[in-house]
Amino acid sequence: MRAATFTGIDGPDDVTVQETAAPTPESGEVVVDVAACSINRHDLWILEGDSAMVDTDDLPFVSGLDVAGRVAETGADVDSVSVGDRVVLCPNQTCGVCRYCREGPENLCEQFSLYHGGLAEQALVEVDRLVTLPDSVDFTDAAALPTAYMTAYHMLRRTDVGANDLVFIPGATGGVGVAGVQLVDALGGRSIGTTTSSAKADRLTEIGADHVVESSDPDEIQETATEIGEADAVLHHLGGEYTKLGLKLLRRGGRMAVCGRTAGGTSEINIPRLFLGHKHVIGSTMGTQPDLETLVGLTADGTLDPIIGDEYTLDETGQAFADMQSRDAFGKLVIQP
């Protein structure tokens, strides 16, 4: 079996396609023939040596969370899927016994982790983490859903976004940002997205953004966004100085969900603005398997059309990460082994 392995953690040049042992499923496991696997900033952080989850002792390492394909082989005690079934993987890994696994939601699990191994011709996965795909959802679209779209959808649920709500999405051309714009539109809300690219600004408008601010300067963004109106919610994956900006733009009692640190791992905020304005800052990681099931349904009925930035062969995986690193992409980058 061929896999795109990380043989170092210095960047895209450290991706090497190698022959690896074919997986054998044990009880409760299945092997999936991978038709598509999208990549995420999470994978790139690992590849750049900027992740606490993987270090040089773990090399060679096969990343890839967002797997879609057909069941190739099943282990013992598997009766929920059969060979040939079309599936997408929910990459959440949970202990199943802590209070949060018992009471939910599952992504609060004390041992929460993520699946890795999708950047290969086959993936060994837990059967309980598979969601069946209807024929109307192709594998490439399905592979776009589990991380970016599930994360954005869960953030929208955490911030109680509904019809007519105004949602501020800084860095709206990233994976979570694009997903957020589309999902806000699907929910009947209105969005303000930011980008530094005029070409990407046009794309944001095409996929449903109501307002686009072409700037990376927080003061400039604040001035323009304030003229549009107070935000009911903020979907925030950037971190850094944009956290303070998000709080400024929130209405009284508004909610900001934070899921990332692309622009910085620390933020300075105005505490009086937080408590005097009854504003909420909510940490949010990934989503739940029911969230993914909902997204598959929205894709199947045509409500949601995931944006695919580009498609690559397994041999082009290093180039895919280079394209992500350059920040020129718009939409999900998908590997098709």
C-alpha atoms as a PDB file:
ATOM      1  CA  MET A   1       0.000   0.000   0.000  1.00  0.00           C
ATOM      2  CA  ARG A   2       1.245   3.500  -0.851  1.00  0.00           C
ATOM      3  CA  ALA A   3       1.053   6.352   1.650  1.00  0.00           C
ATOM      4  CA  ALA A   4       2.153   9.987   1.691  1.00  0.00           C
ATOM      5  CA  THR A   5       4.351   9.954   4.784  1.00  0.00           C
ATOM      6  CA  PHE A   6       5.944  12.794   6.730  1.00  0.00           C
ATOM      7  CA  THR A   7       9.621  11.827   6.899  1.00  0.00           C
ATOM      8  CA  GLY A   8      10.551  15.115   8.578  1.00  0.00           C
ATOM      9  CA  ILE A   9       8.790  18.064  10.165  1.00  0.00           C
ATOM     10  CA  ASP A  10      10.399  20.988   8.351  1.00  0.00           C
ATOM     11  CA  GLY A  11       7.700  21.581   5.740  1.00  0.00           C
ATOM     12  CA  PRO A  12       6.187  20.276   2.481  1.00  0.00           C
ATOM     13  CA  ASP A  13       9.514  18.986   1.139  1.00  0.00           C
ATOM     14  CA  ASP A  14       9.373  16.338   3.873  1.00  0.00           C
ATOM     15  CA  VAL A  15       6.390  14.554   2.298  1.00  0.00           C
ATOM     16  CA  THR A  16       7.473  11.273   0.714  1.00  0.00           C
ATOM     17  CA  VAL A  17       5.258   8.633  -0.893  1.00  0.00           C
ATOM     18  CA  GLN A  18       6.336   5.240   0.430  1.00  0.00           C
ATOM     19  CA  GLU A  19       5.204   1.637   0.385  1.00  0.00           C
ATOM     20  CA  THR A  20       3.740   0.665   3.779  1.00  0.00           C
ATOM     21  CA  ALA A  21       2.122  -2.454   5.155  1.00  0.00           C
ATOM     22  CA  ALA A  22      -1.510  -2.953   4.183  1.00  0.00           C
ATOM     23  CA  PRO A  23      -3.827  -2.686   7.212  1.00  0.00           C
ATOM     24  CA  THR A  24      -5.675  -5.648   8.699  1.00  0.00           C
ATOM     25  CA  PRO A  25      -8.891  -4.919  10.608  1.00  0.00           C
ATOM     26  CA  GLU A  26      -9.453  -6.271  14.104  1.00  0.00           C
ATOM     27  CA  SER A  27     -12.746  -6.454  15.978  1.00  0.00           C
ATOM     28  CA  GLY A  28     -14.813  -3.297  15.440  1.00  0.00           C
ATOM     29  CA  GLU A  29     -12.540  -2.019  12.682  1.00  0.00           C
ATOM     30  CA  VAL A  30     -12.796  -1.728   8.916  1.00  0.00           C
ATOM     31  CA  VAL A  31     -10.406  -0.970   6.092  1.00  0.00           C
ATOM     32  CA  VAL A  32     -11.523   1.790   3.736  1.00  0.00           C
ATOM     33  CA  ASP A  33     -10.232   2.204   0.189  1.00  0.00           C
ATOM     34  CA  VAL A  34      -9.550   5.931   0.310  1.00  0.00           C
ATOM     35  CA  ALA A  35     -11.110   7.770  -2.626  1.00  0.00           C
ATOM     36  CA  ALA A  36     -10.482  11.237  -1.204  1.00  0.00           C
ATOM     37  CA  CYS A  37      -8.873  12.840   1.843  1.00  0.00           C
ATOM     38  CA  SER A  38      -8.812  16.599   2.348  1.00  0.00           C
ATOM     39  CA  ILE A  39      -5.954  18.297   4.170  1.00  0.00           C
ATOM     40  CA  ASN A  40      -6.220  20.850   6.949  1.00  0.00           C
ATOM     41  CA  ARG A  41      -4.152  23.417   8.778  1.00  0.00           C
ATOM     42  CA  HIS A  42      -3.880  20.775  11.524  1.00  0.00           C
ATOM     43  CA  ASP A  43      -1.908  18.530   9.131  1.00  0.00           C
ATOM     44  CA  LEU A  44       0.298  21.422   8.044  1.00  0.00           C
ATOM     45  CA  TRP A  45       1.128  22.321  11.649  1.00  0.00           C
ATOM     46  CA  ILE A  46       2.328  18.746  12.142  1.00  0.00           C
ATOM     47  CA  LEU A  47       4.386  18.933   8.957  1.00  0.00           C
ATOM     48  CA  GLU A  48       5.936  22.223  10.069  1.00  0.00           C
ATOM     49  CA  GLY A  49       6.854  20.887  13.516  1.00  0.00           C
ATOM     50  CA  ASP A  50       4.265  23.118  15.187  1.00  0.00           C
ATOM     51  CA  SER A  51       2.106  20.459  16.843  1.00  0.00           C
ATOM     52  CA  ALA A  52       2.324  18.929  20.305  1.00  0.00           C
ATOM     53  CA  MET A  53       0.778  15.739  18.937  1.00  0.00           C
ATOM     54  CA  VAL A  54       3.694  14.625  16.748  1.00  0.00           C
ATOM     55  CA  ASP A  55       7.478  14.947  17.031  1.00  0.00           C
ATOM     56  CA  THR A  56      10.479  13.332  15.363  1.00  0.00           C
ATOM     57  CA  ASP A  57      10.048  10.142  17.419  1.00  0.00           C
ATOM     58  CA  ASP A  58       6.783   9.515  15.542  1.00  0.00           C
ATOM     59  CA  LEU A  59       8.321   9.642  12.071  1.00  0.00           C
ATOM     60  CA  PRO A  60       7.563   8.473   9.472  1.00  0.00           C
ATOM     61  CA  PHE A  61       4.024   9.707  10.116  1.00  0.00           C
ATOM     62  CA  VAL A  62       0.877   9.438   7.996  1.00  0.00           C
ATOM     63  CA  SER A  63      -1.540  12.291   8.600  1.00  0.00           C
ATOM     64  CA  GLY A  64      -4.954  12.925   7.053  1.00  0.00           C
ATOM     65  CA  LEU A  65      -8.189  13.200   9.043  1.00  0.00           C
ATOM     66  CA  ASP A  66     -10.926  13.570   6.450  1.00  0.00           C
ATOM     67  CA  VAL A  67     -11.374  10.186   4.788  1.00  0.00           C
ATOM     68  CA  ALA A  68     -14.053   9.244   2.266  1.00  0.00           C
ATOM     69  CA  GLY A  69     -14.213   6.042   0.267  1.00  0.00           C
ATOM     70  CA  ARG A  70     -15.564   2.494   0.118  1.00  0.00           C
ATOM     71  CA  VAL A  71     -15.377  -0.228   2.738  1.00  0.00           C
ATOM     72  CA  ALA A  72     -12.815  -2.772   1.524  1.00  0.00           C
ATOM     73  CA  GLU A  73     -12.675  -5.191   4.455  1.00  0.00           C
ATOM     74  CA  THR A  74     -14.387  -5.620   7.807  1.00  0.00           C
ATOM     75  CA  GLY A  75     -13.155  -7.069  11.076  1.00  0.00           C
ATOM     76  CA  ALA A  76     -15.060  -9.245  13.514  1.00  0.00           C
ATOM     77  CA  ASP A  77     -18.230  -7.928  15.142  1.00  0.00           C
ATOM     78  CA  VAL A  78     -18.899  -5.444  12.349  1.00  0.00           C
ATOM     79  CA  ASP A  79     -22.466  -5.470  11.114  1.00  0.00           C
ATOM     80  CA  SER A  80     -23.314  -1.789  10.535  1.00  0.00           C
ATOM     81  CA  VAL A  81     -21.444  -1.598   7.209  1.00  0.00           C
ATOM     82  CA  SER A  82     -20.599  -4.028   4.443  1.00  0.00           C
ATOM     83  CA  VAL A  83     -17.848  -4.308   1.862  1.00  0.00           C
ATOM     84  CA  GLY A  84     -18.535  -1.814  -0.911  1.00  0.00           C
ATOM     85  CA  ASP A  85     -20.464   0.676   1.243  1.00  0.00           C
ATOM     86  CA  ARG A  86     -19.745   4.349   0.601  1.00  0.00           C
ATOM     87  CA  VAL A  87     -18.636   6.097   3.800  1.00  0.00           C
ATOM     88  CA  VAL A  88     -17.036   9.195   5.293  1.00  0.00           C
ATOM     89  CA  LEU A  89     -15.077   9.159   8.556  1.00  0.00           C
ATOM     90  CA  CYS A  90     -15.785  11.299  11.595  1.00  0.00           C
ATOM     91  CA  PRO A  91     -12.183  11.813  12.779  1.00  0.00           C
ATOM     92  CA  ASN A  92     -13.051  12.296  16.459  1.00  0.00           C
ATOM     93  CA  GLN A  93     -11.355   9.831  18.806  1.00  0.00           C
ATOM     94  CA  THR A  94     -12.865   9.589  22.282  1.00  0.00           C
ATOM     95  CA  CYS A  95     -12.465   7.364  25.338  1.00  0.00           C
ATOM     96  CA  GLY A  96     -16.146   6.433  25.630  1.00  0.00           C
ATOM     97  CA  VAL A  97     -16.076   6.266  29.440  1.00  0.00           C
ATOM     98  CA  CYS A  98     -15.518   9.786  30.845  1.00  0.00           C
ATOM     99  CA  ARG A  99     -18.448  11.908  32.032  1.00  0.00           C
ATOM    100  CA  TYR A 100     -18.399  13.925  28.793  1.00  0.00           C
ATOM    101  CA  CYS A 101     -18.589  10.823  26.610  1.00  0.00           C
ATOM    102  CA  ARG A 102     -21.468   9.575  28.762  1.00  0.00           C
ATOM    103  CA  GLU A 103     -23.359  12.862  28.893  1.00  0.00           C
ATOM    104  CA  GLY A 104     -22.164  14.557  25.694  1.00  0.00           C
ATOM    105  CA  PRO A 105     -21.201  16.299  23.632  1.00  0.00           C
ATOM    106  CA  GLU A 106     -18.489  13.850  22.630  1.00  0.00           C
ATOM    107  CA  ASN A 107     -15.946  16.509  21.610  1.00  0.00           C
ATOM    108  CA  LEU A 108     -15.609  17.452  25.301  1.00  0.00           C
ATOM    109  CA  CYS A 109     -14.043  14.039  25.977  1.00  0.00           C
ATOM    110  CA  GLU A 110     -11.195  14.227  28.509  1.00  0.00           C
ATOM    111  CA  GLN A 111      -9.042  12.086  26.178  1.00  0.00           C
ATOM    112  CA  PHE A 112     -10.184  13.785  22.955  1.00  0.00           C
ATOM    113  CA  SER A 113      -7.904  13.190  20.002  1.00  0.00           C
ATOM    114  CA  LEU A 114      -8.076  12.958  16.235  1.00  0.00           C
ATOM    115  CA  TYR A 115      -7.663  10.201  13.684  1.00  0.00           C
ATOM    116  CA  HIS A 116      -4.597  10.277  11.431  1.00  0.00           C
ATOM    117  CA  GLY A 117      -3.842   7.980   8.505  1.00  0.00           C
ATOM    118  CA  GLY A 118      -6.013   9.093   5.590  1.00  0.00           C
ATOM    119  CA  LEU A 119      -3.210  10.161   3.249  1.00  0.00           C
ATOM    120  CA  ALA A 120      -2.853   6.645   1.908  1.00  0.00           C
ATOM    121  CA  GLU A 121      -4.496   4.216  -0.467  1.00  0.00           C
ATOM    122  CA  GLN A 122      -6.229   2.518   2.481  1.00  0.00           C
ATOM    123  CA  ALA A 123      -7.189   3.599   5.993  1.00  0.00           C
ATOM    124  CA  LEU A 124      -7.852   1.475   9.078  1.00  0.00           C
ATOM    125  CA  VAL A 125     -10.720   3.034  11.053  1.00  0.00           C
ATOM    126  CA  GLU A 126     -13.220   2.313  13.816  1.00  0.00           C
ATOM    127  CA  VAL A 127     -16.543   1.282  12.335  1.00  0.00           C
ATOM    128  CA  ASP A 128     -18.496   3.343  14.875  1.00  0.00           C
ATOM    129  CA  ARG A 129     -16.952   6.493  13.408  1.00  0.00           C
ATOM    130  CA  LEU A 130     -18.245   5.927   9.883  1.00  0.00           C
ATOM    131  CA  VAL A 131     -21.158   7.829   8.367  1.00  0.00           C
ATOM    132  CA  THR A 132     -22.856   6.280   5.348  1.00  0.00           C
ATOM    133  CA  LEU A 133     -22.830   8.367   2.175  1.00  0.00           C
ATOM    134  CA  PRO A 134     -25.806   8.541  -0.171  1.00  0.00           C
ATOM    135  CA  ASP A 135     -25.003   8.182  -3.875  1.00  0.00           C
ATOM    136  CA  SER A 136     -25.762  11.890  -4.408  1.00  0.00           C
ATOM    137  CA  VAL A 137     -22.706  12.927  -2.359  1.00  0.00           C
ATOM    138  CA  ASP A 138     -19.435  12.334  -4.187  1.00  0.00           C
ATOM    139  CA  PHE A 139     -16.285  11.361  -2.315  1.00  0.00           C
ATOM    140  CA  THR A 140     -14.452  14.637  -2.899  1.00  0.00           C
ATOM    141  CA  ASP A 141     -17.291  16.702  -1.444  1.00  0.00           C
ATOM    142  CA  ALA A 142     -17.625  14.270   1.453  1.00  0.00           C
ATOM    143  CA  ALA A 143     -13.916  14.540   2.280  1.00  0.00           C
ATOM    144  CA  ALA A 144     -14.297  18.319   2.608  1.00  0.00           C
ATOM    145  CA  LEU A 145     -16.844  18.020   5.426  1.00  0.00           C
ATOM    146  CA  PRO A 146     -15.373  16.384   8.559  1.00  0.00           C
ATOM    147  CA  THR A 147     -12.945  19.017   9.833  1.00  0.00           C
ATOM    148  CA  ALA A 148     -13.633  22.450   8.324  1.00  0.00           C
ATOM    149  CA  TYR A 149     -17.374  22.210   7.804  1.00  0.00           C
ATOM    150  CA  MET A 150     -18.082  20.228  10.967  1.00  0.00           C
ATOM    151  CA  THR A 151     -16.045  22.722  12.994  1.00  0.00           C
ATOM    152  CA  ALA A 152     -17.861  25.715  11.478  1.00  0.00           C
ATOM    153  CA  TYR A 153     -21.272  24.110  11.900  1.00  0.00           C
ATOM    154  CA  HIS A 154     -20.610  23.308  15.553  1.00  0.00           C
ATOM    155  CA  MET A 155     -19.441  26.878  16.159  1.00  0.00           C
ATOM    156  CA  LEU A 156     -22.675  28.179  14.663  1.00  0.00           C
ATOM    157  CA  ARG A 157     -24.631  25.927  16.982  1.00  0.00           C
ATOM    158  CA  ARG A 158     -22.581  27.073  19.982  1.00  0.00           C
ATOM    159  CA  THR A 159     -23.259  30.716  19.119  1.00  0.00           C
ATOM    160  CA  ASP A 160     -26.985  30.134  18.477  1.00  0.00           C
ATOM    161  CA  VAL A 161     -26.895  31.599  14.973  1.00  0.00           C
ATOM    162  CA  GLY A 162     -30.238  31.696  13.208  1.00  0.00           C
ATOM    163  CA  ALA A 163     -32.148  33.541  10.507  1.00  0.00           C
ATOM    164  CA  ASN A 164     -31.247  37.239  10.080  1.00  0.00           C
ATOM    165  CA  ASP A 165     -28.328  37.065  12.544  1.00  0.00           C
ATOM    166  CA  LEU A 166     -25.215  38.990  11.514  1.00  0.00           C
ATOM    167  CA  VAL A 167     -22.029  36.917  11.815  1.00  0.00           C
ATOM    168  CA  PHE A 168     -18.494  38.313  11.615  1.00  0.00           C
ATOM    169  CA  ILE A 169     -15.952  35.882  10.115  1.00  0.00           C
ATOM    170  CA  PRO A 170     -12.365  37.178  10.083  1.00  0.00           C
ATOM    171  CA  GLY A 171     -10.093  35.288   7.710  1.00  0.00           C
ATOM    172  CA  ALA A 172     -13.106  34.091   5.764  1.00  0.00           C
ATOM    173  CA  THR A 173     -11.098  32.485   2.956  1.00  0.00           C
ATOM    174  CA  GLY A 174      -9.635  29.693   5.114  1.00  0.00           C
ATOM    175  CA  GLY A 175     -11.298  26.295   5.341  1.00  0.00           C
ATOM    176  CA  VAL A 176     -13.405  27.116   8.403  1.00  0.00           C
ATOM    177  CA  GLY A 177     -14.073  30.616   7.084  1.00  0.00           C
ATOM    178  CA  VAL A 178     -15.409  29.464   3.714  1.00  0.00           C
ATOM    179  CA  ALA A 179     -17.515  26.814   5.440  1.00  0.00           C
ATOM    180  CA  GLY A 180     -18.827  29.426   7.881  1.00  0.00           C
ATOM    181  CA  VAL A 181     -19.886  31.788   5.089  1.00  0.00           C
ATOM    182  CA  GLN A 182     -21.769  29.020   3.289  1.00  0.00           C
ATOM    183  CA  LEU A 183     -23.446  27.699   6.423  1.00  0.00           C
ATOM    184  CA  VAL A 184     -24.513  31.133   7.668  1.00  0.00           C
ATOM    185  CA  ASP A 185     -26.146  31.656   4.270  1.00  0.00           C
ATOM    186  CA  ALA A 186     -27.840  28.249   4.485  1.00  0.00           C
ATOM    187  CA  LEU A 187     -29.219  29.156   7.932  1.00  0.00           C
ATOM    188  CA  GLY A 188     -30.665  32.393   6.615  1.00  0.00           C
ATOM    189  CA  GLY A 189     -28.144  34.587   8.414  1.00  0.00           C
ATOM    190  CA  ARG A 190     -25.945  37.389   7.112  1.00  0.00           C
ATOM    191  CA  SER A 191     -22.155  37.430   7.141  1.00  0.00           C
ATOM    192  CA  ILE A 192     -19.246  39.862   7.144  1.00  0.00           C
ATOM    193  CA  GLY A 193     -16.091  38.170   5.878  1.00  0.00           C
ATOM    194  CA  THR A 194     -12.558  39.524   5.645  1.00  0.00           C
ATOM    195  CA  THR A 195      -9.769  38.798   3.182  1.00  0.00           C
ATOM    196  CA  THR A 196      -6.640  40.467   1.854  1.00  0.00           C
ATOM    197  CA  SER A 197      -7.263  39.395  -1.752  1.00  0.00           C
ATOM    198  CA  SER A 198      -9.592  41.136  -4.194  1.00  0.00           C
ATOM    199  CA  ALA A 199      -9.970  37.915  -6.173  1.00  0.00           C
ATOM    200  CA  LYS A 200     -10.940  36.023  -3.031  1.00  0.00           C
ATOM    201  CA  ALA A 201     -13.300  38.834  -2.050  1.00  0.00           C
ATOM    202  CA  ASP A 202     -15.213  38.187  -5.259  1.00  0.00           C
ATOM    203  CA  ARG A 203     -15.301  34.463  -4.494  1.00  0.00           C
ATOM    204  CA  LEU A 204     -16.690  35.125  -1.008  1.00  0.00           C
ATOM    205  CA  THR A 205     -19.514  37.148  -2.513  1.00  0.00           C
ATOM    206  CA  GLU A 206     -20.221  34.352  -4.984  1.00  0.00           C
ATOM    207  CA  ILE A 207     -20.619  31.751  -2.210  1.00  0.00           C
ATOM    208  CA  GLY A 208     -22.965  33.852  -0.104  1.00  0.00           C
ATOM    209  CA  ALA A 209     -21.062  36.474   1.906  1.00  0.00           C
ATOM    210  CA  ASP A 210     -23.270  39.551   2.353  1.00  0.00           C
ATOM    211  CA  HIS A 211     -20.400  41.921   3.133  1.00  0.00           C
ATOM    212  CA  VAL A 212     -16.665  41.548   2.452  1.00  0.00           C
ATOM    213  CA  VAL A 213     -13.938  43.707   3.970  1.00  0.00           C
ATOM    214  CA  GLU A 214     -10.690  43.595   2.010  1.00  0.00           C
ATOM    215  CA  SER A 215      -8.112  44.260   4.714  1.00  0.00           C
ATOM    216  CA  SER A 216      -5.980  42.610   7.386  1.00  0.00           C
ATOM    217  CA  ASP A 217      -5.744  45.725   9.543  1.00  0.00           C
ATOM    218  CA  PRO A 218      -7.955  45.359  12.643  1.00  0.00           C
ATOM    219  CA  ASP A 219      -8.643  49.103  12.889  1.00  0.00           C
ATOM    220  CA  GLU A 220      -9.654  49.333   9.246  1.00  0.00           C
ATOM    221  CA  ILE A 221     -11.820  46.220   9.530  1.00  0.00           C
ATOM    222  CA  GLN A 222     -13.473  47.593  12.677  1.00  0.00           C
ATOM    223  CA  GLU A 223     -14.339  50.876  11.008  1.00  0.00           C
ATOM    224  CA  THR A 224     -15.956  49.218   7.991  1.00  0.00           C
ATOM    225  CA  ALA A 225     -17.706  46.435   9.913  1.00  0.00           C
ATOM    226  CA  THR A 226     -19.107  48.862  12.491  1.00  0.00           C
ATOM    227  CA  GLU A 227     -20.852  50.757   9.702  1.00  0.00           C
ATOM    228  CA  ILE A 228     -22.560  47.509   8.653  1.00  0.00           C
ATOM    229  CA  GLY A 229     -23.897  46.737  12.125  1.00  0.00           C
ATOM    230  CA  GLU A 230     -23.238  44.989  15.417  1.00  0.00           C
ATOM    231  CA  ALA A 231     -22.456  41.298  15.077  1.00  0.00           C
ATOM    232  CA  ASP A 232     -24.688  38.782  16.815  1.00  0.00           C
ATOM    233  CA  ALA A 233     -21.899  36.213  16.611  1.00  0.00           C
ATOM    234  CA  VAL A 234     -18.239  35.859  15.626  1.00  0.00           C
ATOM    235  CA  LEU A 235     -16.724  32.729  14.069  1.00  0.00           C
ATOM    236  CA  HIS A 236     -13.055  33.076  14.929  1.00  0.00           C
ATOM    237  CA  HIS A 237     -10.284  30.735  13.782  1.00  0.00           C
ATOM    238  CA  LEU A 238      -7.421  33.244  13.663  1.00  0.00           C
ATOM    239  CA  GLY A 239      -6.577  34.057  17.287  1.00  0.00           C
ATOM    240  CA  GLY A 240      -3.957  36.759  17.846  1.00  0.00           C
ATOM    241  CA  GLU A 241      -5.064  40.375  17.543  1.00  0.00           C
ATOM    242  CA  TYR A 242      -8.371  39.444  15.913  1.00  0.00           C
ATOM    243  CA  THR A 243      -9.847  38.195  19.187  1.00  0.00           C
ATOM    244  CA  LYS A 244      -9.882  41.748  20.543  1.00  0.00           C
ATOM    245  CA  LEU A 245     -11.435  42.904  17.271  1.00  0.00           C
ATOM    246  CA  GLY A 246     -14.159  40.268  17.471  1.00  0.00           C
ATOM    247  CA  LEU A 247     -15.124  41.385  20.975  1.00  0.00           C
ATOM    248  CA  LYS A 248     -15.362  44.995  19.834  1.00  0.00           C
ATOM    249  CA  LEU A 249     -17.720  44.093  16.998  1.00  0.00           C
ATOM    250  CA  LEU A 250     -20.018  41.863  19.088  1.00  0.00           C
ATOM    251  CA  ARG A 251     -23.326  43.274  20.256  1.00  0.00           C
ATOM    252  CA  ARG A 252     -24.215  43.178  23.930  1.00  0.00           C
ATOM    253  CA  GLY A 253     -24.804  39.553  24.867  1.00  0.00           C
ATOM    254  CA  GLY A 254     -23.217  38.349  21.634  1.00  0.00           C
ATOM    255  CA  ARG A 255     -21.189  35.162  21.318  1.00  0.00           C
ATOM    256  CA  MET A 256     -17.753  34.520  19.824  1.00  0.00           C
ATOM    257  CA  ALA A 257     -16.630  30.954  19.176  1.00  0.00           C
ATOM    258  CA  VAL A 258     -12.860  30.432  18.886  1.00  0.00           C
ATOM    259  CA  CYS A 259     -11.415  27.351  17.198  1.00  0.00           C
ATOM    260  CA  GLY A 260      -7.906  28.226  16.013  1.00  0.00           C
ATOM    261  CA  ARG A 261      -4.664  30.157  16.269  1.00  0.00           C
ATOM    262  CA  THR A 262      -3.573  30.777  12.690  1.00  0.00           C
ATOM    263  CA  ALA A 263      -2.693  34.425  13.458  1.00  0.00           C
ATOM    264  CA  GLY A 264      -1.317  33.794  16.941  1.00  0.00           C
ATOM    265  CA  GLY A 265      -1.683  31.633  20.022  1.00  0.00           C
ATOM    266  CA  THR A 266      -2.249  34.474  22.476  1.00  0.00           C
ATOM    267  CA  SER A 267      -4.699  37.384  22.523  1.00  0.00           C
ATOM    268  CA  GLU A 268      -5.116  40.501  24.617  1.00  0.00           C
ATOM    269  CA  ILE A 269      -8.714  41.471  25.395  1.00  0.00           C
ATOM    270  CA  ASN A 270     -10.491  44.285  27.204  1.00  0.00           C
ATOM    271  CA  ILE A 271     -11.971  42.609  30.290  1.00  0.00           C
ATOM    272  CA  PRO A 272     -14.466  45.417  31.122  1.00  0.00           C
ATOM    273  CA  ARG A 273     -15.790  45.246  27.538  1.00  0.00           C
ATOM    274  CA  LEU A 274     -16.329  41.532  28.093  1.00  0.00           C
ATOM    275  CA  PHE A 275     -18.263  41.627  31.352  1.00  0.00           C
ATOM    276  CA  LEU A 276     -20.012  44.985  31.004  1.00  0.00           C
ATOM    277  CA  GLY A 277     -21.280  43.907  27.608  1.00  0.00           C
ATOM    278  CA  HIS A 278     -22.328  40.444  28.811  1.00  0.00           C
ATOM    279  CA  LYS A 279     -20.330  39.006  25.931  1.00  0.00           C
ATOM    280  CA  HIS A 280     -19.448  35.336  25.600  1.00  0.00           C
ATOM    281  CA  VAL A 281     -16.131  33.853  24.432  1.00  0.00           C
ATOM    282  CA  ILE A 282     -16.525  30.150  23.696  1.00  0.00           C
ATOM    283  CA  GLY A 283     -13.775  27.644  22.965  1.00  0.00           C
ATOM    284  CA  SER A 284     -14.836  25.157  20.306  1.00  0.00           C
ATOM    285  CA  THR A 285     -12.978  22.144  18.908  1.00  0.00           C
ATOM    286  CA  MET A 286     -14.235  20.131  15.932  1.00  0.00           C
ATOM    287  CA  GLY A 287     -17.877  19.012  16.259  1.00  0.00           C
ATOM    288  CA  THR A 288     -19.876  15.871  16.875  1.00  0.00           C
ATOM    289  CA  GLN A 289     -20.704  12.894  14.709  1.00  0.00           C
ATOM    290  CA  PRO A 290     -24.362  13.998  14.532  1.00  0.00           C
ATOM    291  CA  ASP A 291     -23.058  17.348  13.215  1.00  0.00           C
ATOM    292  CA  LEU A 292     -21.298  15.481  10.411  1.00  0.00           C
ATOM    293  CA  GLU A 293     -24.426  13.460   9.681  1.00  0.00           C
ATOM    294  CA  THR A 294     -26.377  16.706   9.370  1.00  0.00           C
ATOM    295  CA  LEU A 295     -23.801  18.111   6.948  1.00  0.00           C
ATOM    296  CA  VAL A 296     -23.935  14.980   4.795  1.00  0.00           C
ATOM    297  CA  GLY A 297     -27.703  15.436   4.659  1.00  0.00           C
ATOM    298  CA  LEU A 298     -27.403  19.114   3.692  1.00  0.00           C
ATOM    299  CA  THR A 299     -24.970  18.158   0.932  1.00  0.00           C
ATOM    300  CA  ALA A 300     -27.200  15.343  -0.285  1.00  0.00           C
ATOM    301  CA  ASP A 301     -30.247  17.592  -0.638  1.00  0.00           C
ATOM    302  CA  GLY A 302     -28.311  20.375  -2.365  1.00  0.00           C
ATOM    303  CA  THR A 303     -28.489  22.905   0.463  1.00  0.00           C
ATOM    304  CA  LEU A 304     -24.706  22.798   0.849  1.00  0.00           C
ATOM    305  CA  ASP A 305     -22.129  22.562  -1.938  1.00  0.00           C
ATOM    306  CA  PRO A 306     -18.651  22.273  -0.371  1.00  0.00           C
ATOM    307  CA  ILE A 307     -16.048  24.451  -2.049  1.00  0.00           C
ATOM    308  CA  ILE A 308     -13.136  22.469  -3.469  1.00  0.00           C
ATOM    309  CA  GLY A 309     -10.035  24.547  -4.133  1.00  0.00           C
ATOM    310  CA  ASP A 310      -8.003  21.889  -5.936  1.00  0.00           C
ATOM    311  CA  GLU A 311      -7.541  18.141  -6.286  1.00  0.00           C
ATOM    312  CA  TYR A 312      -4.233  16.250  -6.170  1.00  0.00           C
ATOM    313  CA  THR A 313      -2.914  12.733  -6.656  1.00  0.00           C
ATOM    314  CA  LEU A 314      -1.158  11.013  -3.766  1.00  0.00           C
ATOM    315  CA  ASP A 315       2.194  11.810  -5.414  1.00  0.00           C
ATOM    316  CA  GLU A 316       1.250  15.510  -5.373  1.00  0.00           C
ATOM    317  CA  THR A 317       0.556  15.643  -1.619  1.00  0.00           C
ATOM    318  CA  GLY A 318       3.683  17.695  -0.930  1.00  0.00           C
ATOM    319  CA  GLN A 319       2.562  20.246  -3.509  1.00  0.00           C
ATOM    320  CA  ALA A 320      -0.859  20.410  -1.877  1.00  0.00           C
ATOM    321  CA  PHE A 321       0.746  21.356   1.434  1.00  0.00           C
ATOM    322  CA  ALA A 322       2.961  23.911  -0.318  1.00  0.00           C
ATOM    323  CA  ASP A 323      -0.151  25.466  -1.843  1.00  0.00           C
ATOM    324  CA  MET A 324      -1.808  25.580   1.575  1.00  0.00           C
ATOM    325  CA  GLN A 325       1.327  27.102   3.081  1.00  0.00           C
ATOM    326  CA  SER A 326       1.349  29.861   0.447  1.00  0.00           C
ATOM    327  CA  ARG A 327      -2.231  30.838   1.407  1.00  0.00           C
ATOM    328  CA  ASP A 328      -3.201  31.130  -2.252  1.00  0.00           C
ATOM    329  CA  ALA A 329      -5.889  28.461  -2.090  1.00  0.00           C
ATOM    330  CA  PHE A 330      -9.619  29.091  -1.733  1.00  0.00           C
ATOM    331  CA  GLY A 331     -11.634  26.114  -0.564  1.00  0.00           C
ATOM    332  CA  LYS A 332     -10.615  22.629   0.461  1.00  0.00           C
ATOM    333  CA  LEU A 333      -7.531  20.918  -0.978  1.00  0.00           C
ATOM    334  CA  VAL A 334      -8.263  17.238  -1.552  1.00  0.00           C
ATOM    335  CA  ILE A 335      -5.918  14.317  -2.123  1.00  0.00           C
ATOM    336  CA  GLN A 336      -7.271  11.486  -4.281  1.00  0.00           C
ATOM    337  CA  PRO A 337      -5.105   8.392  -3.708  1.00  0.00           C
END
